[in-house]
């Protein structure tokens, strides 16, 4: 339930980064693409590239990103399961910021203490083929037998075989 319904108020990445001290221990629901998973002695930390969420709670990776955030989980999260480039959504509490050096730049990255975590399955590309019924995901040109000459009647115009 926590992943389907955003908390009230629904704090965005920009809200938190503009006034981090004013939003400590407030609930958030964020998501993005996994960049790195680190297992420490007491917790697992997932670094995520933030993307806004759709109405279903899935990160919209076709949108512009605003930055990075860290998910801290008290349980062990296997890096083989929580792989780089998979989409993830977290519901939890904003507990502060961490500094991370990326190249020559030092960034302050929000930390979310995880309550609920959801790893989205990879989206399979949908293939659409042109067939006699128009575009459709279920029919390929080979479904009824591929005949590239089917609609080209020479010299009398179009006819069907």
N, C-alpha and C. Protein backbone atom coordinates (compact mmCIF):
# COMPACT_ATOMS: atom_id res chain seq x y z
N UNK A 1 0.81 -1.20 0.00
CA UNK A 1 0.00 0.00 0.00
C UNK A 1 0.85 1.26 0.00
N UNK A 2 1.99 1.23 0.70
CA UNK A 2 2.84 2.42 0.82
C UNK A 2 3.42 2.82 -0.53
N UNK A 3 3.59 1.86 -1.44
CA UNK A 3 4.16 2.20 -2.73
C UNK A 3 3.11 2.70 -3.71
N UNK A 4 1.87 2.30 -3.53
CA UNK A 4 0.81 2.73 -4.44
C UNK A 4 0.33 4.14 -4.12
N UNK A 5 0.29 4.50 -2.86
CA UNK A 5 -0.23 5.80 -2.46
C UNK A 5 0.90 6.67 -1.91
N UNK A 6 1.07 7.86 -2.49
CA UNK A 6 2.12 8.74 -1.97
C UNK A 6 1.74 9.28 -0.59
N UNK A 7 2.76 9.60 0.23
CA UNK A 7 2.46 10.18 1.54
C UNK A 7 1.92 11.60 1.40
N UNK A 8 1.29 12.08 2.44
CA UNK A 8 0.77 13.46 2.43
C UNK A 8 1.59 14.25 3.43
N UNK A 9 2.24 15.33 3.07
CA UNK A 9 2.42 15.84 1.72
C UNK A 9 3.44 15.00 0.95
N UNK A 10 3.30 14.97 -0.36
CA UNK A 10 4.19 14.21 -1.22
C UNK A 10 5.42 15.08 -1.52
N UNK A 11 6.50 14.83 -0.80
CA UNK A 11 7.71 15.64 -0.94
C UNK A 11 8.51 15.18 -2.15
N UNK A 12 8.90 16.14 -2.99
CA UNK A 12 9.69 15.83 -4.17
C UNK A 12 11.17 15.93 -3.83
N UNK A 13 11.98 15.51 -4.76
CA UNK A 13 13.43 15.59 -4.60
C UNK A 13 13.86 17.04 -4.40
N UNK A 14 13.26 17.92 -5.17
CA UNK A 14 13.62 19.34 -5.07
C UNK A 14 13.23 19.93 -3.71
N UNK A 15 12.08 19.54 -3.16
CA UNK A 15 11.67 20.00 -1.82
C UNK A 15 12.72 19.65 -0.77
N UNK A 16 13.19 18.41 -0.83
CA UNK A 16 14.16 17.93 0.16
C UNK A 16 15.51 18.62 0.01
N UNK A 17 15.98 18.76 -1.24
CA UNK A 17 17.31 19.34 -1.43
C UNK A 17 17.33 20.85 -1.15
N UNK A 18 16.20 21.52 -1.27
CA UNK A 18 16.15 22.95 -0.98
C UNK A 18 16.13 23.22 0.53
N UNK A 19 15.41 22.41 1.30
CA UNK A 19 15.30 22.58 2.75
C UNK A 19 15.44 21.23 3.45
N UNK A 20 16.65 20.68 3.48
CA UNK A 20 16.79 19.34 4.08
C UNK A 20 16.48 19.31 5.58
N UNK A 21 16.85 20.33 6.33
CA UNK A 21 16.62 20.31 7.77
C UNK A 21 15.14 20.46 8.13
N UNK A 22 14.36 21.08 7.27
CA UNK A 22 12.94 21.25 7.53
C UNK A 22 12.11 20.01 7.26
N UNK A 23 12.70 19.00 6.64
CA UNK A 23 11.94 17.80 6.27
C UNK A 23 12.50 16.53 6.88
N UNK A 24 13.35 16.64 7.90
CA UNK A 24 13.92 15.44 8.53
C UNK A 24 12.83 14.55 9.10
N UNK A 25 13.00 13.25 8.92
CA UNK A 25 12.07 12.22 9.41
C UNK A 25 10.66 12.35 8.85
N UNK A 26 10.55 12.89 7.64
CA UNK A 26 9.26 12.96 6.94
C UNK A 26 9.17 11.81 5.94
N UNK A 27 7.98 11.25 5.73
CA UNK A 27 7.83 10.15 4.77
C UNK A 27 7.95 10.63 3.33
N UNK A 28 8.59 9.81 2.51
CA UNK A 28 8.71 10.08 1.07
C UNK A 28 8.47 8.78 0.32
N UNK A 29 8.13 8.93 -0.94
CA UNK A 29 8.02 7.81 -1.87
C UNK A 29 8.73 8.23 -3.13
N UNK A 30 9.90 7.66 -3.36
CA UNK A 30 10.73 8.02 -4.51
C UNK A 30 11.11 6.78 -5.29
N UNK A 31 11.63 7.03 -6.48
CA UNK A 31 12.10 5.91 -7.29
C UNK A 31 13.14 6.36 -8.28
N UNK A 32 13.72 5.40 -8.95
CA UNK A 32 14.73 5.69 -9.95
C UNK A 32 15.40 4.42 -10.43
N UNK A 33 16.60 4.62 -10.96
CA UNK A 33 17.38 3.53 -11.52
C UNK A 33 18.58 3.25 -10.62
N UNK A 34 18.81 2.00 -10.31
CA UNK A 34 19.91 1.62 -9.43
C UNK A 34 21.25 1.90 -10.11
N UNK A 35 22.13 2.59 -9.38
CA UNK A 35 23.49 2.85 -9.85
C UNK A 35 24.50 1.90 -9.20
N UNK A 36 24.33 1.66 -7.89
CA UNK A 36 25.30 0.86 -7.16
C UNK A 36 24.67 0.31 -5.88
N UNK A 37 25.09 -0.88 -5.48
CA UNK A 37 24.65 -1.50 -4.23
C UNK A 37 25.90 -1.80 -3.39
N UNK A 38 25.90 -1.31 -2.14
CA UNK A 38 27.02 -1.56 -1.22
C UNK A 38 26.47 -2.20 0.06
N UNK A 39 27.03 -3.33 0.43
CA UNK A 39 26.65 -3.99 1.68
C UNK A 39 27.68 -3.65 2.74
N UNK A 40 27.24 -2.95 3.77
CA UNK A 40 28.09 -2.60 4.91
C UNK A 40 27.82 -3.59 6.04
N UNK A 41 28.49 -3.40 7.15
CA UNK A 41 28.35 -4.31 8.30
C UNK A 41 26.92 -4.33 8.85
N UNK A 42 26.30 -3.15 9.00
CA UNK A 42 25.00 -3.04 9.65
C UNK A 42 23.83 -2.81 8.69
N UNK A 43 24.10 -2.46 7.46
CA UNK A 43 23.02 -2.10 6.52
C UNK A 43 23.49 -2.29 5.08
N UNK A 44 22.53 -2.20 4.18
CA UNK A 44 22.81 -2.17 2.74
C UNK A 44 22.45 -0.79 2.24
N UNK A 45 23.29 -0.25 1.37
CA UNK A 45 23.05 1.07 0.81
C UNK A 45 22.95 0.95 -0.71
N UNK A 46 21.87 1.49 -1.25
CA UNK A 46 21.65 1.47 -2.70
C UNK A 46 21.69 2.91 -3.18
N UNK A 47 22.55 3.18 -4.13
CA UNK A 47 22.60 4.51 -4.74
C UNK A 47 21.69 4.49 -5.97
N UNK A 48 20.80 5.48 -6.04
CA UNK A 48 19.76 5.50 -7.07
C UNK A 48 19.78 6.83 -7.80
N UNK A 49 19.61 6.78 -9.11
CA UNK A 49 19.43 7.99 -9.92
C UNK A 49 17.94 8.30 -9.92
N UNK A 50 17.57 9.44 -9.35
CA UNK A 50 16.16 9.80 -9.11
C UNK A 50 15.42 10.09 -10.41
N UNK A 51 14.21 9.55 -10.51
CA UNK A 51 13.25 9.91 -11.58
C UNK A 51 11.89 10.09 -10.93
N UNK A 52 11.07 11.01 -11.46
CA UNK A 52 9.71 11.15 -10.93
C UNK A 52 8.92 9.85 -11.16
N UNK A 53 7.90 9.64 -10.33
CA UNK A 53 7.12 8.42 -10.39
C UNK A 53 5.84 8.62 -11.20
N UNK A 54 5.40 7.55 -11.86
CA UNK A 54 4.12 7.56 -12.55
C UNK A 54 3.02 7.35 -11.52
N UNK A 55 1.77 7.33 -11.95
CA UNK A 55 0.66 7.13 -11.02
C UNK A 55 0.70 5.74 -10.39
N UNK A 56 1.32 4.77 -11.05
CA UNK A 56 1.44 3.42 -10.49
C UNK A 56 2.64 3.29 -9.56
N UNK A 57 3.49 4.32 -9.49
CA UNK A 57 4.65 4.28 -8.61
C UNK A 57 5.93 3.85 -9.31
N UNK A 58 5.87 3.61 -10.61
CA UNK A 58 7.07 3.21 -11.36
C UNK A 58 7.86 4.45 -11.77
N UNK A 59 9.18 4.41 -11.64
CA UNK A 59 10.00 5.54 -12.09
C UNK A 59 9.86 5.76 -13.59
N UNK A 60 9.71 7.01 -13.98
CA UNK A 60 9.58 7.38 -15.39
C UNK A 60 10.97 7.74 -15.91
N UNK A 61 11.69 6.74 -16.37
CA UNK A 61 13.07 6.96 -16.78
C UNK A 61 13.20 7.72 -18.10
N UNK A 62 12.07 8.02 -18.74
CA UNK A 62 12.12 8.87 -19.93
C UNK A 62 12.02 10.35 -19.56
N UNK A 63 11.84 10.65 -18.27
CA UNK A 63 11.81 12.03 -17.78
C UNK A 63 13.22 12.47 -17.42
N UNK A 64 13.35 13.76 -17.13
CA UNK A 64 14.65 14.29 -16.71
C UNK A 64 14.91 13.91 -15.26
N UNK A 65 16.15 13.57 -14.96
CA UNK A 65 16.51 13.24 -13.59
C UNK A 65 16.93 14.51 -12.85
N UNK A 66 16.76 14.50 -11.53
CA UNK A 66 17.12 15.67 -10.73
C UNK A 66 18.36 15.43 -9.90
N UNK A 67 18.80 14.19 -9.79
CA UNK A 67 19.98 13.90 -8.98
C UNK A 67 19.97 12.47 -8.48
N UNK A 68 20.71 12.26 -7.39
CA UNK A 68 20.86 10.93 -6.80
C UNK A 68 20.32 10.94 -5.38
N UNK A 69 19.98 9.74 -4.90
CA UNK A 69 19.66 9.58 -3.49
C UNK A 69 20.12 8.19 -3.05
N UNK A 70 20.20 8.01 -1.74
CA UNK A 70 20.63 6.74 -1.17
C UNK A 70 19.48 6.09 -0.42
N UNK A 71 19.35 4.79 -0.58
CA UNK A 71 18.40 3.99 0.19
C UNK A 71 19.23 3.21 1.20
N UNK A 72 18.86 3.30 2.47
CA UNK A 72 19.51 2.48 3.49
C UNK A 72 18.50 1.47 4.01
N UNK A 73 18.91 0.22 3.96
CA UNK A 73 18.06 -0.87 4.43
C UNK A 73 18.79 -1.64 5.52
N UNK A 74 18.12 -1.97 6.63
CA UNK A 74 18.79 -2.73 7.69
C UNK A 74 19.03 -4.19 7.31
N UNK A 75 18.39 -4.66 6.25
CA UNK A 75 18.56 -6.06 5.86
C UNK A 75 19.56 -6.19 4.71
N UNK A 76 20.02 -7.38 4.49
CA UNK A 76 20.95 -7.67 3.40
C UNK A 76 20.18 -7.69 2.08
N UNK A 77 20.63 -6.90 1.12
CA UNK A 77 20.05 -6.89 -0.23
C UNK A 77 21.13 -7.37 -1.19
N UNK A 78 20.86 -8.47 -1.83
CA UNK A 78 21.86 -9.10 -2.70
C UNK A 78 22.10 -8.28 -3.96
N UNK A 79 23.35 -7.89 -4.24
CA UNK A 79 23.66 -7.13 -5.46
C UNK A 79 23.36 -7.91 -6.74
N UNK A 80 23.28 -9.23 -6.65
CA UNK A 80 22.92 -10.01 -7.84
C UNK A 80 21.44 -9.84 -8.18
N UNK A 81 20.61 -9.55 -7.18
CA UNK A 81 19.18 -9.32 -7.41
C UNK A 81 18.93 -7.84 -7.69
N UNK A 82 19.49 -6.98 -6.86
CA UNK A 82 19.33 -5.53 -7.01
C UNK A 82 20.45 -5.02 -7.91
N UNK A 83 20.31 -5.31 -9.19
CA UNK A 83 21.36 -5.04 -10.17
C UNK A 83 21.32 -3.61 -10.68
N UNK A 84 22.46 -3.19 -11.18
CA UNK A 84 22.59 -1.87 -11.80
C UNK A 84 21.61 -1.79 -12.98
N UNK A 85 21.03 -0.61 -13.16
CA UNK A 85 20.11 -0.26 -14.26
C UNK A 85 18.70 -0.82 -14.11
N UNK A 86 18.36 -1.43 -12.97
CA UNK A 86 16.98 -1.83 -12.73
C UNK A 86 16.24 -0.69 -12.05
N UNK A 87 14.93 -0.59 -12.29
CA UNK A 87 14.10 0.43 -11.65
C UNK A 87 13.69 -0.03 -10.26
N UNK A 88 13.64 0.94 -9.33
CA UNK A 88 13.30 0.64 -7.95
C UNK A 88 12.45 1.77 -7.39
N UNK A 89 11.51 1.42 -6.51
CA UNK A 89 10.71 2.42 -5.81
C UNK A 89 10.82 2.12 -4.32
N UNK A 90 10.95 3.18 -3.53
CA UNK A 90 11.11 3.05 -2.09
C UNK A 90 10.12 3.95 -1.37
N UNK A 91 9.57 3.47 -0.29
CA UNK A 91 8.79 4.30 0.63
C UNK A 91 9.52 4.23 1.96
N UNK A 92 9.77 5.40 2.54
CA UNK A 92 10.51 5.43 3.78
C UNK A 92 10.60 6.84 4.34
N UNK A 93 11.55 7.04 5.24
CA UNK A 93 11.73 8.33 5.90
C UNK A 93 13.02 8.99 5.43
N UNK A 94 12.95 10.29 5.19
CA UNK A 94 14.14 11.07 4.88
C UNK A 94 14.89 11.29 6.19
N UNK A 95 16.11 10.78 6.27
CA UNK A 95 16.84 10.83 7.55
C UNK A 95 18.07 11.73 7.52
N UNK A 96 18.36 12.39 6.42
CA UNK A 96 19.51 13.27 6.37
C UNK A 96 20.19 13.22 5.02
N UNK A 97 21.42 13.72 5.00
CA UNK A 97 22.18 13.77 3.76
C UNK A 97 23.56 13.16 3.96
N UNK A 98 24.13 12.72 2.88
CA UNK A 98 25.48 12.19 2.87
C UNK A 98 26.26 12.93 1.79
N UNK A 99 27.55 13.10 2.00
CA UNK A 99 28.38 13.73 0.97
C UNK A 99 29.06 12.66 0.16
N UNK A 100 29.08 12.86 -1.16
CA UNK A 100 29.74 11.92 -2.05
C UNK A 100 30.52 12.71 -3.09
N UNK A 101 31.72 12.25 -3.33
CA UNK A 101 32.56 12.91 -4.32
C UNK A 101 32.40 12.18 -5.65
N UNK A 102 32.00 12.92 -6.68
CA UNK A 102 31.86 12.39 -8.04
C UNK A 102 32.75 13.24 -8.93
N UNK A 103 33.84 12.67 -9.37
CA UNK A 103 34.83 13.44 -10.11
C UNK A 103 35.46 14.46 -9.18
N UNK A 104 35.42 15.73 -9.58
CA UNK A 104 35.96 16.81 -8.75
C UNK A 104 34.87 17.53 -7.97
N UNK A 105 33.67 17.03 -8.02
CA UNK A 105 32.53 17.69 -7.38
C UNK A 105 32.07 16.89 -6.16
N UNK A 106 31.78 17.60 -5.08
CA UNK A 106 31.21 16.97 -3.89
C UNK A 106 29.72 17.28 -3.84
N UNK A 107 28.91 16.23 -3.80
CA UNK A 107 27.46 16.37 -3.80
C UNK A 107 26.89 15.98 -2.45
N UNK A 108 25.79 16.63 -2.06
CA UNK A 108 25.01 16.21 -0.90
C UNK A 108 23.86 15.37 -1.42
N UNK A 109 23.79 14.14 -0.94
CA UNK A 109 22.82 13.18 -1.45
C UNK A 109 21.85 12.82 -0.33
N UNK A 110 20.53 12.96 -0.56
CA UNK A 110 19.53 12.58 0.46
C UNK A 110 19.59 11.08 0.78
N UNK A 111 19.33 10.76 2.05
CA UNK A 111 19.29 9.37 2.50
C UNK A 111 17.85 9.03 2.91
N UNK A 112 17.34 7.93 2.37
CA UNK A 112 16.00 7.45 2.69
C UNK A 112 16.14 6.14 3.47
N UNK A 113 15.60 6.11 4.68
CA UNK A 113 15.58 4.87 5.47
C UNK A 113 14.39 4.06 4.99
N UNK A 114 14.67 2.90 4.43
CA UNK A 114 13.66 2.09 3.74
C UNK A 114 12.66 1.46 4.70
N UNK A 115 11.36 1.61 4.37
CA UNK A 115 10.28 0.86 5.01
C UNK A 115 9.77 -0.21 4.06
N UNK A 116 9.54 0.19 2.81
CA UNK A 116 9.04 -0.71 1.77
C UNK A 116 9.86 -0.48 0.51
N UNK A 117 10.20 -1.56 -0.15
CA UNK A 117 11.05 -1.49 -1.33
C UNK A 117 10.42 -2.35 -2.42
N UNK A 118 10.41 -1.85 -3.64
CA UNK A 118 9.89 -2.65 -4.75
C UNK A 118 10.85 -2.55 -5.93
N UNK A 119 11.30 -3.71 -6.39
CA UNK A 119 12.18 -3.80 -7.56
C UNK A 119 11.32 -4.14 -8.76
N UNK A 120 11.30 -3.27 -9.74
CA UNK A 120 10.46 -3.44 -10.91
C UNK A 120 11.10 -4.42 -11.88
N UNK A 121 10.31 -5.30 -12.50
CA UNK A 121 10.87 -6.18 -13.53
C UNK A 121 11.26 -5.35 -14.75
N UNK A 122 12.21 -5.86 -15.49
CA UNK A 122 12.64 -5.16 -16.72
C UNK A 122 11.46 -5.08 -17.68
N UNK A 123 11.34 -3.93 -18.33
CA UNK A 123 10.28 -3.79 -19.32
C UNK A 123 10.74 -4.42 -20.62
N UNK A 124 9.90 -5.29 -21.15
CA UNK A 124 10.20 -5.91 -22.43
C UNK A 124 9.71 -5.00 -23.54
N UNK A 125 10.53 -4.79 -24.56
CA UNK A 125 10.06 -3.95 -25.66
C UNK A 125 8.89 -4.62 -26.37
N UNK A 126 7.92 -3.83 -26.76
CA UNK A 126 6.79 -4.38 -27.51
C UNK A 126 7.05 -4.16 -28.99
N UNK A 127 6.91 -5.22 -29.72
CA UNK A 127 7.12 -5.14 -31.16
C UNK A 127 5.77 -5.07 -31.85
N UNK A 128 5.63 -4.12 -32.74
CA UNK A 128 4.40 -3.97 -33.51
C UNK A 128 4.72 -4.22 -34.97
N UNK A 129 3.90 -5.03 -35.59
CA UNK A 129 4.10 -5.37 -36.98
C UNK A 129 2.92 -4.87 -37.78
N UNK A 130 3.19 -4.52 -39.02
CA UNK A 130 2.11 -4.14 -39.92
C UNK A 130 1.57 -5.43 -40.53
N UNK A 131 0.27 -5.59 -40.44
CA UNK A 131 -0.35 -6.74 -41.07
C UNK A 131 -1.68 -6.30 -41.66
N UNK A 132 -2.47 -7.21 -42.13
CA UNK A 132 -3.72 -6.82 -42.79
C UNK A 132 -4.74 -6.23 -41.83
N UNK A 133 -4.49 -6.31 -40.52
CA UNK A 133 -5.38 -5.72 -39.54
C UNK A 133 -4.83 -4.41 -38.98
N UNK A 134 -3.75 -3.92 -39.52
CA UNK A 134 -3.11 -2.72 -39.00
C UNK A 134 -1.99 -3.12 -38.07
N UNK A 135 -1.54 -2.18 -37.24
CA UNK A 135 -0.48 -2.48 -36.29
C UNK A 135 -1.04 -3.30 -35.15
N UNK A 136 -0.29 -4.25 -34.68
CA UNK A 136 -0.73 -5.04 -33.55
C UNK A 136 0.43 -5.76 -32.92
N UNK A 137 0.41 -5.95 -31.61
CA UNK A 137 1.53 -6.60 -30.94
C UNK A 137 1.55 -8.11 -31.10
N UNK A 138 0.45 -8.70 -31.59
CA UNK A 138 0.35 -10.15 -31.58
C UNK A 138 0.56 -10.80 -32.94
N UNK A 139 0.57 -10.02 -33.96
CA UNK A 139 0.70 -10.60 -35.29
C UNK A 139 1.99 -10.11 -35.93
N UNK A 140 2.68 -11.01 -36.52
CA UNK A 140 3.88 -10.63 -37.26
C UNK A 140 3.57 -10.81 -38.74
N UNK A 141 4.44 -10.33 -39.61
CA UNK A 141 4.20 -10.55 -41.04
C UNK A 141 4.21 -12.03 -41.38
N UNK A 142 4.77 -12.86 -40.50
CA UNK A 142 4.88 -14.28 -40.78
C UNK A 142 3.70 -15.07 -40.21
N UNK A 143 2.77 -14.40 -39.51
CA UNK A 143 1.67 -15.09 -38.86
C UNK A 143 0.79 -15.80 -39.87
N UNK A 144 0.44 -15.13 -40.96
CA UNK A 144 -0.40 -15.73 -41.99
C UNK A 144 0.42 -16.16 -43.20
N UNK A 145 1.71 -16.19 -43.07
CA UNK A 145 2.58 -16.52 -44.20
C UNK A 145 3.02 -15.23 -44.87
N UNK A 146 4.30 -15.06 -44.98
CA UNK A 146 4.85 -13.82 -45.53
C UNK A 146 4.82 -13.87 -47.05
N UNK A 147 4.11 -12.92 -47.64
CA UNK A 147 4.06 -12.81 -49.09
C UNK A 147 4.25 -11.33 -49.43
N UNK A 148 5.48 -10.89 -49.68
CA UNK A 148 5.72 -9.47 -49.92
C UNK A 148 5.02 -8.95 -51.17
N UNK A 149 4.66 -9.81 -52.09
CA UNK A 149 4.02 -9.42 -53.33
C UNK A 149 2.50 -9.41 -53.20
N UNK A 150 1.96 -9.69 -52.03
CA UNK A 150 0.54 -9.93 -51.85
C UNK A 150 -0.33 -8.77 -52.32
N UNK A 151 0.06 -7.55 -52.06
CA UNK A 151 -0.80 -6.41 -52.38
C UNK A 151 -0.38 -5.67 -53.64
N UNK A 152 0.55 -6.22 -54.38
CA UNK A 152 1.03 -5.49 -55.56
C UNK A 152 0.65 -6.27 -56.81
N UNK A 153 -0.40 -5.85 -57.45
CA UNK A 153 -0.83 -6.50 -58.68
C UNK A 153 -0.30 -5.70 -59.86
N UNK A 154 0.47 -6.29 -60.67
CA UNK A 154 1.01 -5.58 -61.82
C UNK A 154 0.33 -6.13 -63.04
N UNK A 155 -0.12 -5.39 -63.93
CA UNK A 155 -0.19 -3.93 -64.03
C UNK A 155 -1.55 -3.39 -63.63
N UNK A 156 -2.41 -4.19 -63.02
CA UNK A 156 -3.80 -3.81 -62.81
C UNK A 156 -4.09 -3.19 -61.44
N UNK A 157 -3.10 -2.85 -60.65
CA UNK A 157 -3.35 -2.25 -59.35
C UNK A 157 -3.34 -3.29 -58.25
N UNK A 158 -4.07 -2.99 -57.22
CA UNK A 158 -4.02 -3.79 -56.00
C UNK A 158 -5.05 -4.92 -56.04
N UNK A 159 -4.63 -6.09 -55.74
CA UNK A 159 -5.58 -7.20 -55.57
C UNK A 159 -5.01 -8.16 -54.54
N UNK A 160 -5.83 -9.07 -54.07
CA UNK A 160 -5.44 -9.97 -52.99
C UNK A 160 -5.28 -11.38 -53.52
N UNK A 161 -4.38 -12.11 -52.99
CA UNK A 161 -4.14 -13.50 -53.39
C UNK A 161 -4.90 -14.42 -52.50
